Amino acid sequence: MKCYIYRSSKQDEMYLYLRERDQFDTVPAELLNRFGKAEWVMELDLASRSKLARENIDRVRAALQERGFYLQLPPQIEAHLDDGD
């Protein structure tokens, strides 16, 4: 399974993983507005990997299959969201 990764122009360390290159139609408009301009980063083959540096690879794969995208939040935002649970 390949995915295509884009960096947010509005938020440092925020990335959007897509199932298909340049296919943003599966991403909600509100999320795209907050994300800003999507800046191409790279193509990644998830089938040849067992883990990712900051994300749970199984969660990324599942989101790509179910929704067509996965949003990687910056560490400080992610930590803040975890504190509220």
PDB file of N, CA and C in Angstrom:
ATOM      1  N   MET A   1       0.836  -1.179   0.000  1.00  0.00           N
ATOM      2  CA  MET A   1       0.000   0.000   0.000  1.00  0.00           C
ATOM      3  C   MET A   1       0.881   1.243   0.000  1.00  0.00           C
ATOM      4  N   LYS A   2       0.694   2.067  -1.007  1.00  0.00           N
ATOM      5  CA  LYS A   2       1.430   3.320  -1.080  1.00  0.00           C
ATOM      6  C   LYS A   2       0.583   4.435  -0.510  1.00  0.00           C
ATOM      7  N   CYS A   3       1.255   5.445   0.023  1.00  0.00           N
ATOM      8  CA  CYS A   3       0.566   6.644   0.451  1.00  0.00           C
ATOM      9  C   CYS A   3       1.399   7.847   0.021  1.00  0.00           C
ATOM     10  N   TYR A   4       0.742   8.987   0.009  1.00  0.00           N
ATOM     11  CA  TYR A   4       1.344  10.216  -0.493  1.00  0.00           C
ATOM     12  C   TYR A   4       1.217  11.263   0.606  1.00  0.00           C
ATOM     13  N   ILE A   5       2.345  11.848   0.973  1.00  0.00           N
ATOM     14  CA  ILE A   5       2.403  12.694   2.159  1.00  0.00           C
ATOM     15  C   ILE A   5       2.621  14.153   1.778  1.00  0.00           C
ATOM     16  N   TYR A   6       1.838  15.015   2.445  1.00  0.00           N
ATOM     17  CA  TYR A   6       1.876  16.459   2.219  1.00  0.00           C
ATOM     18  C   TYR A   6       2.061  17.173   3.551  1.00  0.00           C
ATOM     19  N   ARG A   7       2.793  18.269   3.504  1.00  0.00           N
ATOM     20  CA  ARG A   7       3.045  19.107   4.687  1.00  0.00           C
ATOM     21  C   ARG A   7       2.072  20.292   4.659  1.00  0.00           C
ATOM     22  N   SER A   8       1.624  20.698   5.830  1.00  0.00           N
ATOM     23  CA  SER A   8       0.731  21.846   5.953  1.00  0.00           C
ATOM     24  C   SER A   8       1.511  23.146   5.809  1.00  0.00           C
ATOM     25  N   SER A   9       0.934  24.096   5.080  1.00  0.00           N
ATOM     26  CA  SER A   9       1.549  25.430   4.970  1.00  0.00           C
ATOM     27  C   SER A   9       1.200  26.303   6.176  1.00  0.00           C
ATOM     28  N   LYS A  10       0.218  25.885   6.977  1.00  0.00           N
ATOM     29  CA  LYS A  10      -0.238  26.693   8.113  1.00  0.00           C
ATOM     30  C   LYS A  10       0.268  26.218   9.467  1.00  0.00           C
ATOM     31  N   GLN A  11       0.639  24.956   9.577  1.00  0.00           N
ATOM     32  CA  GLN A  11       1.001  24.391  10.884  1.00  0.00           C
ATOM     33  C   GLN A  11       2.262  23.528  10.756  1.00  0.00           C
ATOM     34  N   ASP A  12       3.322  23.900  11.475  1.00  0.00           N
ATOM     35  CA  ASP A  12       4.546  23.105  11.473  1.00  0.00           C
ATOM     36  C   ASP A  12       4.264  21.694  11.964  1.00  0.00           C
ATOM     37  N   GLU A  13       4.888  20.736  11.344  1.00  0.00           N
ATOM     38  CA  GLU A  13       4.832  19.312  11.723  1.00  0.00           C
ATOM     39  C   GLU A  13       3.434  18.696  11.606  1.00  0.00           C
ATOM     40  N   MET A  14       2.576  19.290  10.788  1.00  0.00           N
ATOM     41  CA  MET A  14       1.281  18.684  10.494  1.00  0.00           C
ATOM     42  C   MET A  14       1.370  18.116   9.076  1.00  0.00           C
ATOM     43  N   TYR A  15       1.010  16.835   8.943  1.00  0.00           N
ATOM     44  CA  TYR A  15       1.113  16.155   7.658  1.00  0.00           C
ATOM     45  C   TYR A  15      -0.192  15.459   7.322  1.00  0.00           C
ATOM     46  N   LEU A  16      -0.479  15.401   6.040  1.00  0.00           N
ATOM     47  CA  LEU A  16      -1.656  14.716   5.530  1.00  0.00           C
ATOM     48  C   LEU A  16      -1.200  13.570   4.642  1.00  0.00           C
ATOM     49  N   TYR A  17      -1.639  12.361   4.982  1.00  0.00           N
ATOM     50  CA  TYR A  17      -1.328  11.169   4.198  1.00  0.00           C
ATOM     51  C   TYR A  17      -2.559  10.876   3.337  1.00  0.00           C
ATOM     52  N   LEU A  18      -2.350  10.665   2.051  1.00  0.00           N
ATOM     53  CA  LEU A  18      -3.449  10.333   1.145  1.00  0.00           C
ATOM     54  C   LEU A  18      -3.245   8.957   0.540  1.00  0.00           C
ATOM     55  N   ARG A  19      -4.352   8.281   0.256  1.00  0.00           N
ATOM     56  CA  ARG A  19      -4.308   6.967  -0.395  1.00  0.00           C
ATOM     57  C   ARG A  19      -3.926   7.110  -1.868  1.00  0.00           C
ATOM     58  N   GLU A  20      -4.343   8.225  -2.486  1.00  0.00           N
ATOM     59  CA  GLU A  20      -4.031   8.483  -3.886  1.00  0.00           C
ATOM     60  C   GLU A  20      -3.435   9.878  -4.021  1.00  0.00           C
ATOM     61  N   ARG A  21      -2.408   9.983  -4.848  1.00  0.00           N
ATOM     62  CA  ARG A  21      -1.708  11.256  -4.993  1.00  0.00           C
ATOM     63  C   ARG A  21      -2.649  12.354  -5.508  1.00  0.00           C
ATOM     64  N   ASP A  22      -2.586  13.505  -4.838  1.00  0.00           N
ATOM     65  CA  ASP A  22      -3.335  14.706  -5.200  1.00  0.00           C
ATOM     66  C   ASP A  22      -4.848  14.518  -5.190  1.00  0.00           C
ATOM     67  N   GLN A  23      -5.360  13.504  -4.499  1.00  0.00           N
ATOM     68  CA  GLN A  23      -6.799  13.261  -4.413  1.00  0.00           C
ATOM     69  C   GLN A  23      -7.313  13.741  -3.057  1.00  0.00           C
ATOM     70  N   PHE A  24      -7.612  15.028  -2.985  1.00  0.00           N
ATOM     71  CA  PHE A  24      -8.036  15.661  -1.744  1.00  0.00           C
ATOM     72  C   PHE A  24      -9.548  15.616  -1.539  1.00  0.00           C
ATOM     73  N   ASP A  25     -10.278  15.012  -2.471  1.00  0.00           N
ATOM     74  CA  ASP A  25     -11.736  15.012  -2.391  1.00  0.00           C
ATOM     75  C   ASP A  25     -12.285  14.201  -1.224  1.00  0.00           C
ATOM     76  N   THR A  26     -11.486  13.311  -0.637  1.00  0.00           N
ATOM     77  CA  THR A  26     -11.938  12.528   0.523  1.00  0.00           C
ATOM     78  C   THR A  26     -11.729  13.281   1.838  1.00  0.00           C
ATOM     79  N   VAL A  27     -10.985  14.371   1.790  1.00  0.00           N
ATOM     80  CA  VAL A  27     -10.656  15.144   2.993  1.00  0.00           C
ATOM     81  C   VAL A  27     -11.740  16.212   3.202  1.00  0.00           C
ATOM     82  N   PRO A  28     -12.321  16.291   4.398  1.00  0.00           N
ATOM     83  CA  PRO A  28     -13.351  17.312   4.657  1.00  0.00           C
ATOM     84  C   PRO A  28     -12.830  18.723   4.387  1.00  0.00           C
ATOM     85  N   ALA A  29     -13.695  19.566   3.833  1.00  0.00           N
ATOM     86  CA  ALA A  29     -13.328  20.938   3.465  1.00  0.00           C
ATOM     87  C   ALA A  29     -12.801  21.730   4.664  1.00  0.00           C
ATOM     88  N   GLU A  30     -13.405  21.546   5.830  1.00  0.00           N
ATOM     89  CA  GLU A  30     -12.964  22.263   7.033  1.00  0.00           C
ATOM     90  C   GLU A  30     -11.522  21.887   7.394  1.00  0.00           C
ATOM     91  N   LEU A  31     -11.198  20.619   7.285  1.00  0.00           N
ATOM     92  CA  LEU A  31      -9.834  20.167   7.576  1.00  0.00           C
ATOM     93  C   LEU A  31      -8.860  20.763   6.564  1.00  0.00           C
ATOM     94  N   LEU A  32      -9.222  20.741   5.287  1.00  0.00           N
ATOM     95  CA  LEU A  32      -8.345  21.314   4.256  1.00  0.00           C
ATOM     96  C   LEU A  32      -8.129  22.803   4.475  1.00  0.00           C
ATOM     97  N   ASN A  33      -9.163  23.504   4.909  1.00  0.00           N
ATOM     98  CA  ASN A  33      -9.038  24.934   5.182  1.00  0.00           C
ATOM     99  C   ASN A  33      -8.051  25.178   6.316  1.00  0.00           C
ATOM    100  N   ARG A  34      -8.145  24.384   7.367  1.00  0.00           N
ATOM    101  CA  ARG A  34      -7.221  24.522   8.501  1.00  0.00           C
ATOM    102  C   ARG A  34      -5.803  24.090   8.124  1.00  0.00           C
ATOM    103  N   PHE A  35      -5.707  23.104   7.250  1.00  0.00           N
ATOM    104  CA  PHE A  35      -4.413  22.559   6.818  1.00  0.00           C
ATOM    105  C   PHE A  35      -3.651  23.569   5.962  1.00  0.00           C
ATOM    106  N   GLY A  36      -4.378  24.337   5.152  1.00  0.00           N
ATOM    107  CA  GLY A  36      -3.726  25.298   4.259  1.00  0.00           C
ATOM    108  C   GLY A  36      -3.272  24.628   2.987  1.00  0.00           C
ATOM    109  N   LYS A  37      -2.333  25.253   2.323  1.00  0.00           N
ATOM    110  CA  LYS A  37      -1.801  24.707   1.080  1.00  0.00           C
ATOM    111  C   LYS A  37      -1.039  23.416   1.387  1.00  0.00           C
ATOM    112  N   ALA A  38      -1.365  22.377   0.646  1.00  0.00           N
ATOM    113  CA  ALA A  38      -0.690  21.088   0.826  1.00  0.00           C
ATOM    114  C   ALA A  38       0.596  21.089   0.009  1.00  0.00           C
ATOM    115  N   GLU A  39       1.721  20.963   0.702  1.00  0.00           N
ATOM    116  CA  GLU A  39       3.031  20.964   0.049  1.00  0.00           C
ATOM    117  C   GLU A  39       3.544  19.531  -0.036  1.00  0.00           C
ATOM    118  N   TRP A  40       3.791  19.065  -1.260  1.00  0.00           N
ATOM    119  CA  TRP A  40       4.242  17.691  -1.507  1.00  0.00           C
ATOM    120  C   TRP A  40       5.514  17.385  -0.719  1.00  0.00           C
ATOM    121  N   VAL A  41       5.526  16.211  -0.060  1.00  0.00           N
ATOM    122  CA  VAL A  41       6.703  15.774   0.675  1.00  0.00           C
ATOM    123  C   VAL A  41       7.291  14.522   0.024  1.00  0.00           C
ATOM    124  N   MET A  42       6.492  13.432  -0.010  1.00  0.00           N
ATOM    125  CA  MET A  42       7.027  12.186  -0.565  1.00  0.00           C
ATOM    126  C   MET A  42       5.956  11.119  -0.736  1.00  0.00           C
ATOM    127  N   GLU A  43       6.351  10.082  -1.457  1.00  0.00           N
ATOM    128  CA  GLU A  43       5.557   8.861  -1.602  1.00  0.00           C
ATOM    129  C   GLU A  43       6.182   7.828  -0.669  1.00  0.00           C
ATOM    130  N   LEU A  44       5.349   7.054   0.002  1.00  0.00           N
ATOM    131  CA  LEU A  44       5.837   6.060   0.956  1.00  0.00           C
ATOM    132  C   LEU A  44       5.095   4.748   0.742  1.00  0.00           C
ATOM    133  N   ASP A  45       5.837   3.656   0.676  1.00  0.00           N
ATOM    134  CA  ASP A  45       5.223   2.339   0.531  1.00  0.00           C
ATOM    135  C   ASP A  45       5.064   1.727   1.920  1.00  0.00           C
ATOM    136  N   LEU A  46       3.831   1.716   2.407  1.00  0.00           N
ATOM    137  CA  LEU A  46       3.564   1.188   3.745  1.00  0.00           C
ATOM    138  C   LEU A  46       3.643  -0.333   3.801  1.00  0.00           C
ATOM    139  N   ALA A  47       3.528  -1.001   2.668  1.00  0.00           N
ATOM    140  CA  ALA A  47       3.602  -2.460   2.634  1.00  0.00           C
ATOM    141  C   ALA A  47       5.009  -2.958   2.964  1.00  0.00           C
ATOM    142  N   SER A  48       6.008  -2.153   2.683  1.00  0.00           N
ATOM    143  CA  SER A  48       7.391  -2.569   2.914  1.00  0.00           C
ATOM    144  C   SER A  48       7.924  -2.135   4.280  1.00  0.00           C
ATOM    145  N   ARG A  49       7.064  -1.585   5.116  1.00  0.00           N
ATOM    146  CA  ARG A  49       7.480  -1.088   6.439  1.00  0.00           C
ATOM    147  C   ARG A  49       6.705  -1.789   7.538  1.00  0.00           C
ATOM    148  N   SER A  50       7.329  -1.880   8.698  1.00  0.00           N
ATOM    149  CA  SER A  50       6.642  -2.452   9.858  1.00  0.00           C
ATOM    150  C   SER A  50       6.283  -1.365  10.877  1.00  0.00           C
ATOM    151  N   LYS A  51       6.887  -0.168  10.728  1.00  0.00           N
ATOM    152  CA  LYS A  51       6.579   0.933  11.633  1.00  0.00           C
ATOM    153  C   LYS A  51       6.920   2.266  10.972  1.00  0.00           C
ATOM    154  N   LEU A  52       6.398   3.323  11.579  1.00  0.00           N
ATOM    155  CA  LEU A  52       6.693   4.692  11.163  1.00  0.00           C
ATOM    156  C   LEU A  52       7.330   5.418  12.338  1.00  0.00           C
ATOM    157  N   ALA A  53       8.018   6.508  12.073  1.00  0.00           N
ATOM    158  CA  ALA A  53       8.749   7.224  13.127  1.00  0.00           C
ATOM    159  C   ALA A  53       7.836   7.733  14.242  1.00  0.00           C
ATOM    160  N   ARG A  54       6.727   8.387  13.893  1.00  0.00           N
ATOM    161  CA  ARG A  54       5.880   9.014  14.919  1.00  0.00           C
ATOM    162  C   ARG A  54       4.460   8.483  14.975  1.00  0.00           C
ATOM    163  N   GLU A  55       4.071   7.690  14.020  1.00  0.00           N
ATOM    164  CA  GLU A  55       2.680   7.242  13.951  1.00  0.00           C
ATOM    165  C   GLU A  55       2.583   5.726  14.024  1.00  0.00           C
ATOM    166  N   ASN A  56       1.452   5.251  14.490  1.00  0.00           N
ATOM    167  CA  ASN A  56       1.162   3.824  14.513  1.00  0.00           C
ATOM    168  C   ASN A  56       0.800   3.418  13.088  1.00  0.00           C
ATOM    169  N   ILE A  57       1.611   2.575  12.483  1.00  0.00           N
ATOM    170  CA  ILE A  57       1.427   2.232  11.073  1.00  0.00           C
ATOM    171  C   ILE A  57       0.090   1.539  10.812  1.00  0.00           C
ATOM    172  N   ASP A  58      -0.386   0.747  11.762  1.00  0.00           N
ATOM    173  CA  ASP A  58      -1.682   0.077  11.582  1.00  0.00           C
ATOM    174  C   ASP A  58      -2.823   1.092  11.572  1.00  0.00           C
ATOM    175  N   ARG A  59      -2.725   2.112  12.401  1.00  0.00           N
ATOM    176  CA  ARG A  59      -3.734   3.173  12.437  1.00  0.00           C
ATOM    177  C   ARG A  59      -3.739   3.966  11.129  1.00  0.00           C
ATOM    178  N   VAL A  60      -2.547   4.251  10.608  1.00  0.00           N
ATOM    179  CA  VAL A  60      -2.430   4.971   9.333  1.00  0.00           C
ATOM    180  C   VAL A  60      -3.029   4.136   8.203  1.00  0.00           C
ATOM    181  N   ARG A  61      -2.659   2.867   8.129  1.00  0.00           N
ATOM    182  CA  ARG A  61      -3.195   1.986   7.082  1.00  0.00           C
ATOM    183  C   ARG A  61      -4.720   1.902   7.146  1.00  0.00           C
ATOM    184  N   ALA A  62      -5.256   1.730   8.341  1.00  0.00           N
ATOM    185  CA  ALA A  62      -6.708   1.607   8.510  1.00  0.00           C
ATOM    186  C   ALA A  62      -7.414   2.890   8.065  1.00  0.00           C
ATOM    187  N   ALA A  63      -6.889   4.039   8.456  1.00  0.00           N
ATOM    188  CA  ALA A  63      -7.503   5.317   8.075  1.00  0.00           C
ATOM    189  C   ALA A  63      -7.459   5.510   6.561  1.00  0.00           C
ATOM    190  N   LEU A  64      -6.354   5.147   5.946  1.00  0.00           N
ATOM    191  CA  LEU A  64      -6.244   5.280   4.493  1.00  0.00           C
ATOM    192  C   LEU A  64      -7.258   4.384   3.788  1.00  0.00           C
ATOM    193  N   GLN A  65      -7.433   3.170   4.277  1.00  0.00           N
ATOM    194  CA  GLN A  65      -8.395   2.255   3.663  1.00  0.00           C
ATOM    195  C   GLN A  65      -9.826   2.707   3.900  1.00  0.00           C
ATOM    196  N   GLU A  66     -10.126   3.168   5.098  1.00  0.00           N
ATOM    197  CA  GLU A  66     -11.505   3.534   5.460  1.00  0.00           C
ATOM    198  C   GLU A  66     -11.918   4.913   4.945  1.00  0.00           C
ATOM    199  N   ARG A  67     -11.020   5.905   5.095  1.00  0.00           N
ATOM    200  CA  ARG A  67     -11.375   7.293   4.764  1.00  0.00           C
ATOM    201  C   ARG A  67     -10.629   7.853   3.560  1.00  0.00           C
ATOM    202  N   GLY A  68      -9.499   7.247   3.218  1.00  0.00           N
ATOM    203  CA  GLY A  68      -8.696   7.765   2.112  1.00  0.00           C
ATOM    204  C   GLY A  68      -7.654   8.776   2.527  1.00  0.00           C
ATOM    205  N   PHE A  69      -7.613   9.105   3.837  1.00  0.00           N
ATOM    206  CA  PHE A  69      -6.612  10.056   4.328  1.00  0.00           C
ATOM    207  C   PHE A  69      -6.318   9.789   5.804  1.00  0.00           C
ATOM    208  N   TYR A  70      -5.184  10.334   6.258  1.00  0.00           N
ATOM    209  CA  TYR A  70      -4.803  10.291   7.668  1.00  0.00           C
ATOM    210  C   TYR A  70      -4.123  11.617   7.977  1.00  0.00           C
ATOM    211  N   LEU A  71      -4.491  12.249   9.077  1.00  0.00           N
ATOM    212  CA  LEU A  71      -3.892  13.513   9.491  1.00  0.00           C
ATOM    213  C   LEU A  71      -2.931  13.260  10.636  1.00  0.00           C
ATOM    214  N   GLN A  72      -1.673  13.634  10.441  1.00  0.00           N
ATOM    215  CA  GLN A  72      -0.661  13.537  11.500  1.00  0.00           C
ATOM    216  C   GLN A  72      -0.539  14.912  12.141  1.00  0.00           C
ATOM    217  N   LEU A  73      -0.896  14.989  13.410  1.00  0.00           N
ATOM    218  CA  LEU A  73      -0.835  16.249  14.154  1.00  0.00           C
ATOM    219  C   LEU A  73       0.567  16.498  14.687  1.00  0.00           C
ATOM    220  N   PRO A  74       0.910  17.771  14.913  1.00  0.00           N
ATOM    221  CA  PRO A  74       2.190  18.091  15.545  1.00  0.00           C
ATOM    222  C   PRO A  74       2.229  17.494  16.950  1.00  0.00           C
ATOM    223  N   PRO A  75       3.401  17.132  17.446  1.00  0.00           N
ATOM    224  CA  PRO A  75       3.499  16.505  18.777  1.00  0.00           C
ATOM    225  C   PRO A  75       2.846  17.309  19.894  1.00  0.00           C
ATOM    226  N   GLN A  76       3.010  18.623  19.930  1.00  0.00           N
ATOM    227  CA  GLN A  76       2.442  19.425  21.019  1.00  0.00           C
ATOM    228  C   GLN A  76       0.918  19.440  20.974  1.00  0.00           C
ATOM    229  N   ILE A  77       0.311  19.443  19.811  1.00  0.00           N
ATOM    230  CA  ILE A  77      -1.148  19.411  19.690  1.00  0.00           C
ATOM    231  C   ILE A  77      -1.651  18.018  20.096  1.00  0.00           C
ATOM    232  N   GLU A  78      -0.968  16.996  19.633  1.00  0.00           N
ATOM    233  CA  GLU A  78      -1.336  15.623  19.956  1.00  0.00           C
ATOM    234  C   GLU A  78      -1.285  15.398  21.467  1.00  0.00           C
ATOM    235  N   ALA A  79      -0.234  15.887  22.127  1.00  0.00           N
ATOM    236  CA  ALA A  79      -0.094  15.720  23.580  1.00  0.00           C
ATOM    237  C   ALA A  79      -1.221  16.452  24.307  1.00  0.00           C
ATOM    238  N   HIS A  80      -1.578  17.625  23.841  1.00  0.00           N
ATOM    239  CA  HIS A  80      -2.657  18.405  24.453  1.00  0.00           C
ATOM    240  C   HIS A  80      -3.988  17.668  24.321  1.00  0.00           C
ATOM    241  N   LEU A  81      -4.244  17.074  23.169  1.00  0.00           N
ATOM    242  CA  LEU A  81      -5.477  16.322  22.964  1.00  0.00           C
ATOM    243  C   LEU A  81      -5.517  15.091  23.870  1.00  0.00           C
ATOM    244  N   ASP A  82      -4.387  14.431  24.060  1.00  0.00           N
ATOM    245  CA  ASP A  82      -4.331  13.248  24.936  1.00  0.00           C
ATOM    246  C   ASP A  82      -4.600  13.622  26.389  1.00  0.00           C
ATOM    247  N   ASP A  83      -4.221  14.835  26.811  1.00  0.00           N
ATOM    248  CA  ASP A  83      -4.447  15.265  28.193  1.00  0.00           C
ATOM    249  C   ASP A  83      -5.932  15.395  28.520  1.00  0.00           C
ATOM    250  N   GLY A  84      -6.750  15.659  27.509  1.00  0.00           N
ATOM    251  CA  GLY A  84      -8.172  15.845  27.722  1.00  0.00           C
ATOM    252  C   GLY A  84      -8.948  14.574  27.855  1.00  0.00           C
ATOM    253  N   ASP A  85      -8.338  13.429  27.649  1.00  0.00           N
ATOM    254  CA  ASP A  85      -9.044  12.137  27.719  1.00  0.00           C
ATOM    255  C   ASP A  85      -9.223  11.648  29.130  1.00  0.00           C
TER     256      ASP A  85
END
